[in-house]
């Protein structure tokens, strides 16, 4: 189990010896901005950082609008979020159950391109 808002590295290294970075965010509207900040900080220097921040924002907002944890927070969906995700991401998806879900995306760049700090 993870504590919401806690950064942690995955236990196993991934391509080129880099580690995955993950963070759990509570289902509140203010956490979408925190998720964007985490993504920008984690991928600083990556050519795809702007796309990654945008997709993080879209998937985070979608989670708030369409799950039991989120309240919608006064957000109004335009219907374009998933179109952006589908057009920018090489792959994307979600997995989980009633206990929680994870949304993810991959951008068409290499680990070397997006090594980022840490």
PDB file of N, CA and C in Angstrom:
ATOM      1  N   UNK A   1       0.848  -1.178   0.000  1.00  0.00           N
ATOM      2  CA  UNK A   1       0.000   0.000   0.000  1.00  0.00           C
ATOM      3  C   UNK A   1       0.890   1.236   0.000  1.00  0.00           C
ATOM      4  N   UNK A   2       0.483   2.264  -0.684  1.00  0.00           N
ATOM      5  CA  UNK A   2       1.251   3.500  -0.733  1.00  0.00           C
ATOM      6  C   UNK A   2       0.485   4.618  -0.048  1.00  0.00           C
ATOM      7  N   UNK A   3       1.207   5.583   0.412  1.00  0.00           N
ATOM      8  CA  UNK A   3       0.605   6.759   1.022  1.00  0.00           C
ATOM      9  C   UNK A   3       0.373   7.791  -0.059  1.00  0.00           C
ATOM     10  N   UNK A   4      -0.864   8.316  -0.192  1.00  0.00           N
ATOM     11  CA  UNK A   4      -1.112   9.332  -1.221  1.00  0.00           C
ATOM     12  C   UNK A   4      -0.137  10.487  -1.096  1.00  0.00           C
ATOM     13  N   UNK A   5       0.369  10.927  -2.239  1.00  0.00           N
ATOM     14  CA  UNK A   5       1.293  12.056  -2.257  1.00  0.00           C
ATOM     15  C   UNK A   5       2.736  11.675  -1.997  1.00  0.00           C
ATOM     16  N   UNK A   6       3.022  10.387  -1.911  1.00  0.00           N
ATOM     17  CA  UNK A   6       4.379   9.939  -1.622  1.00  0.00           C
ATOM     18  C   UNK A   6       5.049   9.467  -2.901  1.00  0.00           C
ATOM     19  N   UNK A   7       6.230  10.015  -3.209  1.00  0.00           N
ATOM     20  CA  UNK A   7       7.004   9.547  -4.356  1.00  0.00           C
ATOM     21  C   UNK A   7       7.704   8.253  -3.967  1.00  0.00           C
ATOM     22  N   UNK A   8       7.830   7.350  -4.899  1.00  0.00           N
ATOM     23  CA  UNK A   8       8.652   6.183  -4.651  1.00  0.00           C
ATOM     24  C   UNK A   8       9.141   5.627  -5.963  1.00  0.00           C
ATOM     25  N   UNK A   9      10.298   5.005  -5.914  1.00  0.00           N
ATOM     26  CA  UNK A   9      10.875   4.389  -7.103  1.00  0.00           C
ATOM     27  C   UNK A   9      10.427   2.935  -7.155  1.00  0.00           C
ATOM     28  N   UNK A  10      10.203   2.451  -8.350  1.00  0.00           N
ATOM     29  CA  UNK A  10       9.846   1.042  -8.514  1.00  0.00           C
ATOM     30  C   UNK A  10      11.008   0.181  -8.043  1.00  0.00           C
ATOM     31  N   UNK A  11      10.744  -0.992  -7.497  1.00  0.00           N
ATOM     32  CA  UNK A  11      11.826  -1.826  -6.975  1.00  0.00           C
ATOM     33  C   UNK A  11      12.764  -2.368  -8.038  1.00  0.00           C
ATOM     34  N   UNK A  12      12.322  -2.464  -9.285  1.00  0.00           N
ATOM     35  CA  UNK A  12      13.180  -3.039 -10.319  1.00  0.00           C
ATOM     36  C   UNK A  12      13.589  -1.977 -11.324  1.00  0.00           C
ATOM     37  N   UNK A  13      14.875  -1.995 -11.746  1.00  0.00           N
ATOM     38  CA  UNK A  13      15.285  -1.039 -12.776  1.00  0.00           C
ATOM     39  C   UNK A  13      14.604  -1.363 -14.096  1.00  0.00           C
ATOM     40  N   UNK A  14      14.447  -0.352 -14.915  1.00  0.00           N
ATOM     41  CA  UNK A  14      13.873  -0.542 -16.248  1.00  0.00           C
ATOM     42  C   UNK A  14      14.945  -0.248 -17.275  1.00  0.00           C
ATOM     43  N   UNK A  15      14.566  -0.083 -18.522  1.00  0.00           N
ATOM     44  CA  UNK A  15      15.500   0.091 -19.638  1.00  0.00           C
ATOM     45  C   UNK A  15      16.632   1.053 -19.311  1.00  0.00           C
ATOM     46  N   UNK A  16      17.812   0.714 -19.732  1.00  0.00           N
ATOM     47  CA  UNK A  16      19.014   1.529 -19.579  1.00  0.00           C
ATOM     48  C   UNK A  16      19.350   1.823 -18.118  1.00  0.00           C
ATOM     49  N   UNK A  17      18.891   0.987 -17.186  1.00  0.00           N
ATOM     50  CA  UNK A  17      19.225   1.162 -15.781  1.00  0.00           C
ATOM     51  C   UNK A  17      18.440   2.257 -15.077  1.00  0.00           C
ATOM     52  N   UNK A  18      17.494   2.902 -15.753  1.00  0.00           N
ATOM     53  CA  UNK A  18      16.685   3.944 -15.126  1.00  0.00           C
ATOM     54  C   UNK A  18      15.562   3.308 -14.325  1.00  0.00           C
ATOM     55  N   UNK A  19      15.084   4.027 -13.330  1.00  0.00           N
ATOM     56  CA  UNK A  19      13.990   3.521 -12.512  1.00  0.00           C
ATOM     57  C   UNK A  19      12.691   4.245 -12.858  1.00  0.00           C
ATOM     58  N   UNK A  20      11.602   3.530 -12.727  1.00  0.00           N
ATOM     59  CA  UNK A  20      10.299   4.149 -12.864  1.00  0.00           C
ATOM     60  C   UNK A  20      10.057   5.057 -11.661  1.00  0.00           C
ATOM     61  N   UNK A  21       9.329   6.111 -11.880  1.00  0.00           N
ATOM     62  CA  UNK A  21       8.916   6.987 -10.772  1.00  0.00           C
ATOM     63  C   UNK A  21       7.400   6.975 -10.765  1.00  0.00           C
ATOM     64  N   UNK A  22       6.822   6.762  -9.600  1.00  0.00           N
ATOM     65  CA  UNK A  22       5.374   6.739  -9.464  1.00  0.00           C
ATOM     66  C   UNK A  22       4.981   7.553  -8.248  1.00  0.00           C
ATOM     67  N   UNK A  23       3.765   8.019  -8.266  1.00  0.00           N
ATOM     68  CA  UNK A  23       3.223   8.735  -7.120  1.00  0.00           C
ATOM     69  C   UNK A  23       1.717   8.527  -7.106  1.00  0.00           C
ATOM     70  N   UNK A  24       1.171   8.378  -5.930  1.00  0.00           N
ATOM     71  CA  UNK A  24      -0.263   8.212  -5.751  1.00  0.00           C
ATOM     72  C   UNK A  24      -0.837   9.567  -5.363  1.00  0.00           C
ATOM     73  N   UNK A  25      -1.917   9.965  -6.028  1.00  0.00           N
ATOM     74  CA  UNK A  25      -2.561  11.250  -5.756  1.00  0.00           C
ATOM     75  C   UNK A  25      -3.987  11.014  -5.278  1.00  0.00           C
ATOM     76  N   UNK A  26      -4.404  11.697  -4.208  1.00  0.00           N
ATOM     77  CA  UNK A  26      -5.800  11.580  -3.757  1.00  0.00           C
ATOM     78  C   UNK A  26      -6.749  12.106  -4.826  1.00  0.00           C
ATOM     79  N   UNK A  27      -7.991  11.638  -4.812  1.00  0.00           N
ATOM     80  CA  UNK A  27      -8.982  12.029  -5.808  1.00  0.00           C
ATOM     81  C   UNK A  27      -9.606  13.380  -5.519  1.00  0.00           C
ATOM     82  N   UNK A  28      -8.794  14.431  -5.581  1.00  0.00           N
ATOM     83  CA  UNK A  28      -9.287  15.802  -5.379  1.00  0.00           C
ATOM     84  C   UNK A  28      -8.799  16.676  -6.530  1.00  0.00           C
ATOM     85  N   UNK A  29      -9.596  17.673  -6.879  1.00  0.00           N
ATOM     86  CA  UNK A  29      -9.274  18.541  -8.018  1.00  0.00           C
ATOM     87  C   UNK A  29      -7.911  19.209  -7.870  1.00  0.00           C
ATOM     88  N   UNK A  30      -7.523  19.607  -6.657  1.00  0.00           N
ATOM     89  CA  UNK A  30      -6.232  20.273  -6.473  1.00  0.00           C
ATOM     90  C   UNK A  30      -5.051  19.355  -6.774  1.00  0.00           C
ATOM     91  N   UNK A  31      -5.286  18.049  -6.793  1.00  0.00           N
ATOM     92  CA  UNK A  31      -4.203  17.099  -7.025  1.00  0.00           C
ATOM     93  C   UNK A  31      -3.816  16.970  -8.499  1.00  0.00           C
ATOM     94  N   UNK A  32      -4.659  17.437  -9.403  1.00  0.00           N
ATOM     95  CA  UNK A  32      -4.298  17.412 -10.824  1.00  0.00           C
ATOM     96  C   UNK A  32      -3.085  18.321 -11.041  1.00  0.00           C
ATOM     97  N   UNK A  33      -3.084  19.484 -10.424  1.00  0.00           N
ATOM     98  CA  UNK A  33      -1.923  20.379 -10.529  1.00  0.00           C
ATOM     99  C   UNK A  33      -0.685  19.729  -9.923  1.00  0.00           C
ATOM    100  N   UNK A  34      -0.855  19.018  -8.810  1.00  0.00           N
ATOM    101  CA  UNK A  34       0.282  18.326  -8.181  1.00  0.00           C
ATOM    102  C   UNK A  34       0.822  17.239  -9.108  1.00  0.00           C
ATOM    103  N   UNK A  35      -0.071  16.548  -9.796  1.00  0.00           N
ATOM    104  CA  UNK A  35       0.356  15.509 -10.737  1.00  0.00           C
ATOM    105  C   UNK A  35       1.129  16.120 -11.904  1.00  0.00           C
ATOM    106  N   UNK A  36       0.664  17.269 -12.397  1.00  0.00           N
ATOM    107  CA  UNK A  36       1.399  17.956 -13.483  1.00  0.00           C
ATOM    108  C   UNK A  36       2.791  18.355 -13.000  1.00  0.00           C
ATOM    109  N   UNK A  37       2.886  18.908 -11.791  1.00  0.00           N
ATOM    110  CA  UNK A  37       4.185  19.314 -11.240  1.00  0.00           C
ATOM    111  C   UNK A  37       5.119  18.120 -11.103  1.00  0.00           C
ATOM    112  N   UNK A  38       4.602  17.007 -10.593  1.00  0.00           N
ATOM    113  CA  UNK A  38       5.404  15.795 -10.443  1.00  0.00           C
ATOM    114  C   UNK A  38       5.932  15.324 -11.797  1.00  0.00           C
ATOM    115  N   UNK A  39       5.072  15.321 -12.794  1.00  0.00           N
ATOM    116  CA  UNK A  39       5.466  14.883 -14.131  1.00  0.00           C
ATOM    117  C   UNK A  39       6.531  15.802 -14.714  1.00  0.00           C
ATOM    118  N   UNK A  40       6.326  17.108 -14.595  1.00  0.00           N
ATOM    119  CA  UNK A  40       7.298  18.076 -15.122  1.00  0.00           C
ATOM    120  C   UNK A  40       8.645  17.923 -14.426  1.00  0.00           C
ATOM    121  N   UNK A  41       8.624  17.737 -13.112  1.00  0.00           N
ATOM    122  CA  UNK A  41       9.873  17.592 -12.349  1.00  0.00           C
ATOM    123  C   UNK A  41      10.574  16.279 -12.708  1.00  0.00           C
ATOM    124  N   UNK A  42       9.807  15.216 -12.822  1.00  0.00           N
ATOM    125  CA  UNK A  42      10.380  13.901 -13.103  1.00  0.00           C
ATOM    126  C   UNK A  42      10.990  13.835 -14.497  1.00  0.00           C
ATOM    127  N   UNK A  43      10.360  14.508 -15.460  1.00  0.00           N
ATOM    128  CA  UNK A  43      10.832  14.443 -16.849  1.00  0.00           C
ATOM    129  C   UNK A  43      11.559  15.704 -17.303  1.00  0.00           C
ATOM    130  N   UNK A  44      12.030  16.503 -16.356  1.00  0.00           N
ATOM    131  CA  UNK A  44      12.763  17.725 -16.718  1.00  0.00           C
ATOM    132  C   UNK A  44      13.875  17.392 -17.712  1.00  0.00           C
ATOM    133  N   UNK A  45      13.935  18.135 -18.797  1.00  0.00           N
ATOM    134  CA  UNK A  45      14.952  17.910 -19.812  1.00  0.00           C
ATOM    135  C   UNK A  45      14.516  16.962 -20.920  1.00  0.00           C
ATOM    136  N   UNK A  46      13.411  16.287 -20.757  1.00  0.00           N
ATOM    137  CA  UNK A  46      12.915  15.364 -21.776  1.00  0.00           C
ATOM    138  C   UNK A  46      12.221  16.158 -22.873  1.00  0.00           C
ATOM    139  N   UNK A  47      12.480  15.862 -24.135  1.00  0.00           N
ATOM    140  CA  UNK A  47      11.824  16.588 -25.217  1.00  0.00           C
ATOM    141  C   UNK A  47      10.301  16.439 -25.211  1.00  0.00           C
ATOM    142  N   UNK A  48       9.784  15.393 -24.580  1.00  0.00           N
ATOM    143  CA  UNK A  48       8.342  15.147 -24.574  1.00  0.00           C
ATOM    144  C   UNK A  48       7.665  15.619 -23.287  1.00  0.00           C
ATOM    145  N   UNK A  49       8.355  16.417 -22.478  1.00  0.00           N
ATOM    146  CA  UNK A  49       7.788  16.795 -21.179  1.00  0.00           C
ATOM    147  C   UNK A  49       6.460  17.541 -21.312  1.00  0.00           C
ATOM    148  N   UNK A  50       6.315  18.424 -22.269  1.00  0.00           N
ATOM    149  CA  UNK A  50       5.063  19.175 -22.420  1.00  0.00           C
ATOM    150  C   UNK A  50       3.894  18.233 -22.745  1.00  0.00           C
ATOM    151  N   UNK A  51       4.129  17.266 -23.627  1.00  0.00           N
ATOM    152  CA  UNK A  51       3.084  16.292 -23.949  1.00  0.00           C
ATOM    153  C   UNK A  51       2.755  15.443 -22.719  1.00  0.00           C
ATOM    154  N   UNK A  52       3.770  15.041 -21.968  1.00  0.00           N
ATOM    155  CA  UNK A  52       3.550  14.228 -20.774  1.00  0.00           C
ATOM    156  C   UNK A  52       2.730  14.987 -19.732  1.00  0.00           C
ATOM    157  N   UNK A  53       3.021  16.266 -19.545  1.00  0.00           N
ATOM    158  CA  UNK A  53       2.268  17.084 -18.588  1.00  0.00           C
ATOM    159  C   UNK A  53       0.819  17.227 -19.046  1.00  0.00           C
ATOM    160  N   UNK A  54       0.611  17.456 -20.333  1.00  0.00           N
ATOM    161  CA  UNK A  54      -0.739  17.585 -20.869  1.00  0.00           C
ATOM    162  C   UNK A  54      -1.537  16.292 -20.672  1.00  0.00           C
ATOM    163  N   UNK A  55      -0.931  15.157 -20.995  1.00  0.00           N
ATOM    164  CA  UNK A  55      -1.642  13.887 -20.855  1.00  0.00           C
ATOM    165  C   UNK A  55      -1.902  13.540 -19.397  1.00  0.00           C
ATOM    166  N   UNK A  56      -0.971  13.888 -18.522  1.00  0.00           N
ATOM    167  CA  UNK A  56      -1.184  13.697 -17.087  1.00  0.00           C
ATOM    168  C   UNK A  56      -2.391  14.493 -16.624  1.00  0.00           C
ATOM    169  N   UNK A  57      -2.486  15.724 -17.083  1.00  0.00           N
ATOM    170  CA  UNK A  57      -3.604  16.587 -16.725  1.00  0.00           C
ATOM    171  C   UNK A  57      -4.926  16.016 -17.240  1.00  0.00           C
ATOM    172  N   UNK A  58      -4.933  15.575 -18.470  1.00  0.00           N
ATOM    173  CA  UNK A  58      -6.162  15.036 -19.067  1.00  0.00           C
ATOM    174  C   UNK A  58      -6.628  13.771 -18.360  1.00  0.00           C
ATOM    175  N   UNK A  59      -5.710  12.842 -18.098  1.00  0.00           N
ATOM    176  CA  UNK A  59      -6.106  11.594 -17.444  1.00  0.00           C
ATOM    177  C   UNK A  59      -6.481  11.825 -15.980  1.00  0.00           C
ATOM    178  N   UNK A  60      -5.785  12.737 -15.316  1.00  0.00           N
ATOM    179  CA  UNK A  60      -6.140  13.065 -13.936  1.00  0.00           C
ATOM    180  C   UNK A  60      -7.519  13.695 -13.838  1.00  0.00           C
ATOM    181  N   UNK A  61      -7.801  14.629 -14.724  1.00  0.00           N
ATOM    182  CA  UNK A  61      -9.108  15.279 -14.747  1.00  0.00           C
ATOM    183  C   UNK A  61     -10.199  14.270 -15.074  1.00  0.00           C
ATOM    184  N   UNK A  62      -9.933  13.389 -16.030  1.00  0.00           N
ATOM    185  CA  UNK A  62     -10.894  12.346 -16.375  1.00  0.00           C
ATOM    186  C   UNK A  62     -11.194  11.464 -15.169  1.00  0.00           C
ATOM    187  N   UNK A  63     -10.162  11.112 -14.416  1.00  0.00           N
ATOM    188  CA  UNK A  63     -10.357  10.283 -13.224  1.00  0.00           C
ATOM    189  C   UNK A  63     -11.275  10.984 -12.223  1.00  0.00           C
ATOM    190  N   UNK A  64     -11.101  12.269 -12.059  1.00  0.00           N
ATOM    191  CA  UNK A  64     -11.961  13.015 -11.137  1.00  0.00           C
ATOM    192  C   UNK A  64     -13.404  13.061 -11.610  1.00  0.00           C
ATOM    193  N   UNK A  65     -13.579  13.200 -12.894  1.00  0.00           N
ATOM    194  CA  UNK A  65     -14.925  13.340 -13.437  1.00  0.00           C
ATOM    195  C   UNK A  65     -15.702  12.034 -13.497  1.00  0.00           C
ATOM    196  N   UNK A  66     -14.994  10.925 -13.629  1.00  0.00           N
ATOM    197  CA  UNK A  66     -15.676   9.675 -13.948  1.00  0.00           C
ATOM    198  C   UNK A  66     -15.446   8.535 -12.967  1.00  0.00           C
ATOM    199  N   UNK A  67     -14.969   8.828 -11.753  1.00  0.00           N
ATOM    200  CA  UNK A  67     -14.794   7.768 -10.757  1.00  0.00           C
ATOM    201  C   UNK A  67     -15.452   8.172  -9.447  1.00  0.00           C
ATOM    202  N   UNK A  68     -15.619   7.199  -8.576  1.00  0.00           N
ATOM    203  CA  UNK A  68     -16.246   7.447  -7.276  1.00  0.00           C
ATOM    204  C   UNK A  68     -15.373   8.312  -6.373  1.00  0.00           C
ATOM    205  N   UNK A  69     -14.059   8.251  -6.525  1.00  0.00           N
ATOM    206  CA  UNK A  69     -13.176   9.057  -5.656  1.00  0.00           C
ATOM    207  C   UNK A  69     -13.278  10.526  -5.961  1.00  0.00           C
ATOM    208  N   UNK A  70     -13.416  10.857  -7.225  1.00  0.00           N
ATOM    209  CA  UNK A  70     -13.497  12.257  -7.607  1.00  0.00           C
ATOM    210  C   UNK A  70     -14.903  12.791  -7.444  1.00  0.00           C
ATOM    211  N   UNK A  71     -14.986  14.066  -7.182  1.00  0.00           N
ATOM    212  CA  UNK A  71     -16.295  14.697  -7.024  1.00  0.00           C
ATOM    213  C   UNK A  71     -16.631  15.541  -8.229  1.00  0.00           C
ATOM    214  N   UNK A  72     -15.740  15.612  -9.175  1.00  0.00           N
ATOM    215  CA  UNK A  72     -15.925  16.493 -10.320  1.00  0.00           C
ATOM    216  C   UNK A  72     -15.346  17.862 -10.042  1.00  0.00           C
ATOM    217  N   UNK A  73     -15.373  18.300  -8.795  1.00  0.00           N
ATOM    218  CA  UNK A  73     -14.746  19.555  -8.379  1.00  0.00           C
ATOM    219  C   UNK A  73     -15.136  20.761  -9.206  1.00  0.00           C
ATOM    220  N   UNK A  74     -16.335  20.754  -9.777  1.00  0.00           N
ATOM    221  CA  UNK A  74     -16.749  21.889 -10.586  1.00  0.00           C
ATOM    222  C   UNK A  74     -16.161  21.889 -11.983  1.00  0.00           C
ATOM    223  N   UNK A  75     -15.464  20.824 -12.351  1.00  0.00           N
ATOM    224  CA  UNK A  75     -14.848  20.749 -13.676  1.00  0.00           C
ATOM    225  C   UNK A  75     -15.902  20.405 -14.719  1.00  0.00           C
ATOM    226  N   UNK A  76     -15.780  20.964 -15.896  1.00  0.00           N
ATOM    227  CA  UNK A  76     -16.725  20.691 -16.978  1.00  0.00           C
ATOM    228  C   UNK A  76     -15.989  19.934 -18.079  1.00  0.00           C
ATOM    229  N   UNK A  77     -16.397  18.662 -18.426  1.00  0.00           N
ATOM    230  CA  UNK A  77     -15.713  17.904 -19.466  1.00  0.00           C
ATOM    231  C   UNK A  77     -16.061  18.399 -20.858  1.00  0.00           C
ATOM    232  N   UNK A  78     -15.072  18.464 -21.734  1.00  0.00           N
ATOM    233  CA  UNK A  78     -15.330  18.922 -23.098  1.00  0.00           C
ATOM    234  C   UNK A  78     -15.462  17.747 -24.060  1.00  0.00           C
ATOM    235  N   UNK A  79     -15.048  16.549 -23.633  1.00  0.00           N
ATOM    236  CA  UNK A  79     -15.085  15.397 -24.517  1.00  0.00           C
ATOM    237  C   UNK A  79     -13.841  15.266 -25.381  1.00  0.00           C
ATOM    238  N   UNK A  80     -12.891  16.174 -25.221  1.00  0.00           N
ATOM    239  CA  UNK A  80     -11.681  16.144 -26.064  1.00  0.00           C
ATOM    240  C   UNK A  80     -10.470  15.529 -25.381  1.00  0.00           C
ATOM    241  N   UNK A  81     -10.549  15.319 -24.080  1.00  0.00           N
ATOM    242  CA  UNK A  81      -9.396  14.814 -23.330  1.00  0.00           C
ATOM    243  C   UNK A  81      -8.856  13.506 -23.853  1.00  0.00           C
ATOM    244  N   UNK A  82      -9.726  12.522 -24.030  1.00  0.00           N
ATOM    245  CA  UNK A  82      -9.254  11.224 -24.495  1.00  0.00           C
ATOM    246  C   UNK A  82      -8.834  11.251 -25.956  1.00  0.00           C
ATOM    247  N   UNK A  83      -9.385  12.176 -26.730  1.00  0.00           N
ATOM    248  CA  UNK A  83      -8.901  12.345 -28.107  1.00  0.00           C
ATOM    249  C   UNK A  83      -7.461  12.841 -28.102  1.00  0.00           C
ATOM    250  N   UNK A  84      -7.144  13.760 -27.193  1.00  0.00           N
ATOM    251  CA  UNK A  84      -5.754  14.223 -27.058  1.00  0.00           C
ATOM    252  C   UNK A  84      -4.839  13.076 -26.647  1.00  0.00           C
ATOM    253  N   UNK A  85      -5.286  12.309 -25.667  1.00  0.00           N
ATOM    254  CA  UNK A  85      -4.482  11.185 -25.197  1.00  0.00           C
ATOM    255  C   UNK A  85      -4.240  10.204 -26.344  1.00  0.00           C
ATOM    256  N   UNK A  86      -5.291   9.843 -27.062  1.00  0.00           N
ATOM    257  CA  UNK A  86      -5.161   8.877 -28.160  1.00  0.00           C
ATOM    258  C   UNK A  86      -4.268   9.396 -29.284  1.00  0.00           C
ATOM    259  N   UNK A  87      -4.277  10.707 -29.514  1.00  0.00           N
ATOM    260  CA  UNK A  87      -3.474  11.230 -30.619  1.00  0.00           C
ATOM    261  C   UNK A  87      -2.011  11.453 -30.240  1.00  0.00           C
ATOM    262  N   UNK A  88      -1.704  11.720 -28.978  1.00  0.00           N
ATOM    263  CA  UNK A  88      -0.324  11.993 -28.578  1.00  0.00           C
ATOM    264  C   UNK A  88       0.414  10.765 -28.054  1.00  0.00           C
ATOM    265  N   UNK A  89      -0.301   9.866 -27.394  1.00  0.00           N
ATOM    266  CA  UNK A  89       0.348   8.715 -26.764  1.00  0.00           C
ATOM    267  C   UNK A  89       0.604   7.603 -27.776  1.00  0.00           C
ATOM    268  N   UNK A  90       1.729   6.929 -27.615  1.00  0.00           N
ATOM    269  CA  UNK A  90       2.002   5.739 -28.416  1.00  0.00           C
ATOM    270  C   UNK A  90       1.068   4.612 -27.973  1.00  0.00           C
ATOM    271  N   UNK A  91       0.840   4.521 -26.657  1.00  0.00           N
ATOM    272  CA  UNK A  91      -0.093   3.565 -26.059  1.00  0.00           C
ATOM    273  C   UNK A  91      -0.627   4.201 -24.789  1.00  0.00           C
ATOM    274  N   UNK A  92      -1.824   3.810 -24.382  1.00  0.00           N
ATOM    275  CA  UNK A  92      -2.361   4.255 -23.108  1.00  0.00           C
ATOM    276  C   UNK A  92      -3.432   3.278 -22.657  1.00  0.00           C
ATOM    277  N   UNK A  93      -3.786   3.355 -21.398  1.00  0.00           N
ATOM    278  CA  UNK A  93      -4.821   2.471 -20.899  1.00  0.00           C
ATOM    279  C   UNK A  93      -5.031   2.658 -19.411  1.00  0.00           C
ATOM    280  N   UNK A  94      -5.726   1.695 -18.842  1.00  0.00           N
ATOM    281  CA  UNK A  94      -5.972   1.696 -17.407  1.00  0.00           C
ATOM    282  C   UNK A  94      -6.127   0.260 -16.949  1.00  0.00           C
ATOM    283  N   UNK A  95      -5.962   0.048 -15.662  1.00  0.00           N
ATOM    284  CA  UNK A  95      -6.238  -1.253 -15.074  1.00  0.00           C
ATOM    285  C   UNK A  95      -6.618  -1.036 -13.619  1.00  0.00           C
ATOM    286  N   UNK A  96      -7.275  -2.007 -13.058  1.00  0.00           N
ATOM    287  CA  UNK A  96      -7.684  -1.906 -11.670  1.00  0.00           C
ATOM    288  C   UNK A  96      -9.037  -2.531 -11.436  1.00  0.00           C
ATOM    289  N   UNK A  97      -9.616  -2.165 -10.281  1.00  0.00           N
ATOM    290  CA  UNK A  97     -10.887  -2.731  -9.863  1.00  0.00           C
ATOM    291  C   UNK A  97     -11.637  -1.689  -9.048  1.00  0.00           C
ATOM    292  N   UNK A  98     -12.637  -2.126  -8.319  1.00  0.00           N
ATOM    293  CA  UNK A  98     -13.378  -1.241  -7.437  1.00  0.00           C
ATOM    294  C   UNK A  98     -12.524  -0.675  -6.313  1.00  0.00           C
ATOM    295  N   UNK A  99     -11.384  -1.297  -6.074  1.00  0.00           N
ATOM    296  CA  UNK A  99     -10.468  -0.836  -5.032  1.00  0.00           C
ATOM    297  C   UNK A  99      -9.584   0.318  -5.487  1.00  0.00           C
ATOM    298  N   UNK A 100      -9.486   0.533  -6.785  1.00  0.00           N
ATOM    299  CA  UNK A 100      -8.659   1.609  -7.322  1.00  0.00           C
ATOM    300  C   UNK A 100      -8.244   1.306  -8.744  1.00  0.00           C
ATOM    301  N   UNK A 101      -7.872   2.339  -9.438  1.00  0.00           N
ATOM    302  CA  UNK A 101      -7.453   2.183 -10.831  1.00  0.00           C
ATOM    303  C   UNK A 101      -6.172   2.968 -11.082  1.00  0.00           C
ATOM    304  N   UNK A 102      -5.464   2.523 -12.070  1.00  0.00           N
ATOM    305  CA  UNK A 102      -4.263   3.201 -12.539  1.00  0.00           C
ATOM    306  C   UNK A 102      -4.488   3.542 -13.998  1.00  0.00           C
ATOM    307  N   UNK A 103      -4.240   4.792 -14.372  1.00  0.00           N
ATOM    308  CA  UNK A 103      -4.230   5.167 -15.779  1.00  0.00           C
ATOM    309  C   UNK A 103      -2.787   5.410 -16.168  1.00  0.00           C
ATOM    310  N   UNK A 104      -2.450   5.123 -17.402  1.00  0.00           N
ATOM    311  CA  UNK A 104      -1.064   5.240 -17.836  1.00  0.00           C
ATOM    312  C   UNK A 104      -1.022   5.611 -19.309  1.00  0.00           C
ATOM    313  N   UNK A 105       0.133   6.110 -19.723  1.00  0.00           N
ATOM    314  CA  UNK A 105       0.379   6.376 -21.136  1.00  0.00           C
ATOM    315  C   UNK A 105       1.855   6.231 -21.411  1.00  0.00           C
ATOM    316  N   UNK A 106       2.181   5.971 -22.654  1.00  0.00           N
ATOM    317  CA  UNK A 106       3.566   5.927 -23.125  1.00  0.00           C
ATOM    318  C   UNK A 106       3.689   6.916 -24.268  1.00  0.00           C
ATOM    319  N   UNK A 107       4.772   7.656 -24.273  1.00  0.00           N
ATOM    320  CA  UNK A 107       5.049   8.593 -25.357  1.00  0.00           C
ATOM    321  C   UNK A 107       6.120   8.008 -26.266  1.00  0.00           C
ATOM    322  N   UNK A 108       6.111   8.383 -27.538  1.00  0.00           N
ATOM    323  CA  UNK A 108       7.082   7.822 -28.488  1.00  0.00           C
ATOM    324  C   UNK A 108       8.464   8.461 -28.341  1.00  0.00           C
ATOM    325  N   UNK A 109       9.138   8.138 -27.244  1.00  0.00           N
ATOM    326  CA  UNK A 109      10.522   8.574 -27.053  1.00  0.00           C
ATOM    327  C   UNK A 109      11.234   7.468 -26.293  1.00  0.00           C
ATOM    328  N   UNK A 110      12.542   7.531 -26.230  1.00  0.00           N
ATOM    329  CA  UNK A 110      13.310   6.482 -25.564  1.00  0.00           C
ATOM    330  C   UNK A 110      13.636   6.891 -24.134  1.00  0.00           C
ATOM    331  N   UNK A 111      13.994   5.918 -23.328  1.00  0.00           N
ATOM    332  CA  UNK A 111      14.396   6.195 -21.944  1.00  0.00           C
ATOM    333  C   UNK A 111      15.593   7.149 -21.926  1.00  0.00           C
ATOM    334  N   UNK A 112      16.482   7.016 -22.886  1.00  0.00           N
ATOM    335  CA  UNK A 112      17.644   7.897 -22.956  1.00  0.00           C
ATOM    336  C   UNK A 112      17.211   9.336 -23.214  1.00  0.00           C
ATOM    337  N   UNK A 113      16.220   9.531 -24.103  1.00  0.00           N
ATOM    338  CA  UNK A 113      15.689  10.872 -24.378  1.00  0.00           C
ATOM    339  C   UNK A 113      15.109  11.506 -23.123  1.00  0.00           C
ATOM    340  N   UNK A 114      14.476  10.679 -22.308  1.00  0.00           N
ATOM    341  CA  UNK A 114      13.715  11.182 -21.161  1.00  0.00           C
ATOM    342  C   UNK A 114      14.270  10.676 -19.853  1.00  0.00           C
ATOM    343  N   UNK A 115      15.585  10.687 -19.720  1.00  0.00           N
ATOM    344  CA  UNK A 115      16.217  10.158 -18.514  1.00  0.00           C
ATOM    345  C   UNK A 115      15.782  10.922 -17.279  1.00  0.00           C
ATOM    346  N   UNK A 116      15.663  12.230 -17.335  1.00  0.00           N
ATOM    347  CA  UNK A 116      15.203  13.031 -16.198  1.00  0.00           C
ATOM    348  C   UNK A 116      16.062  12.845 -14.974  1.00  0.00           C
ATOM    349  N   UNK A 117      15.890  13.714 -13.958  1.00  0.00           N
ATOM    350  CA  UNK A 117      16.659  13.604 -12.731  1.00  0.00           C
ATOM    351  C   UNK A 117      16.145  12.471 -11.849  1.00  0.00           C
ATOM    352  N   UNK A 118      17.005  11.969 -11.016  1.00  0.00           N
ATOM    353  CA  UNK A 118      16.596  11.020  -9.982  1.00  0.00           C
ATOM    354  C   UNK A 118      16.491   9.654 -10.463  1.00  0.00           C
TER     355      UNK A 118
END
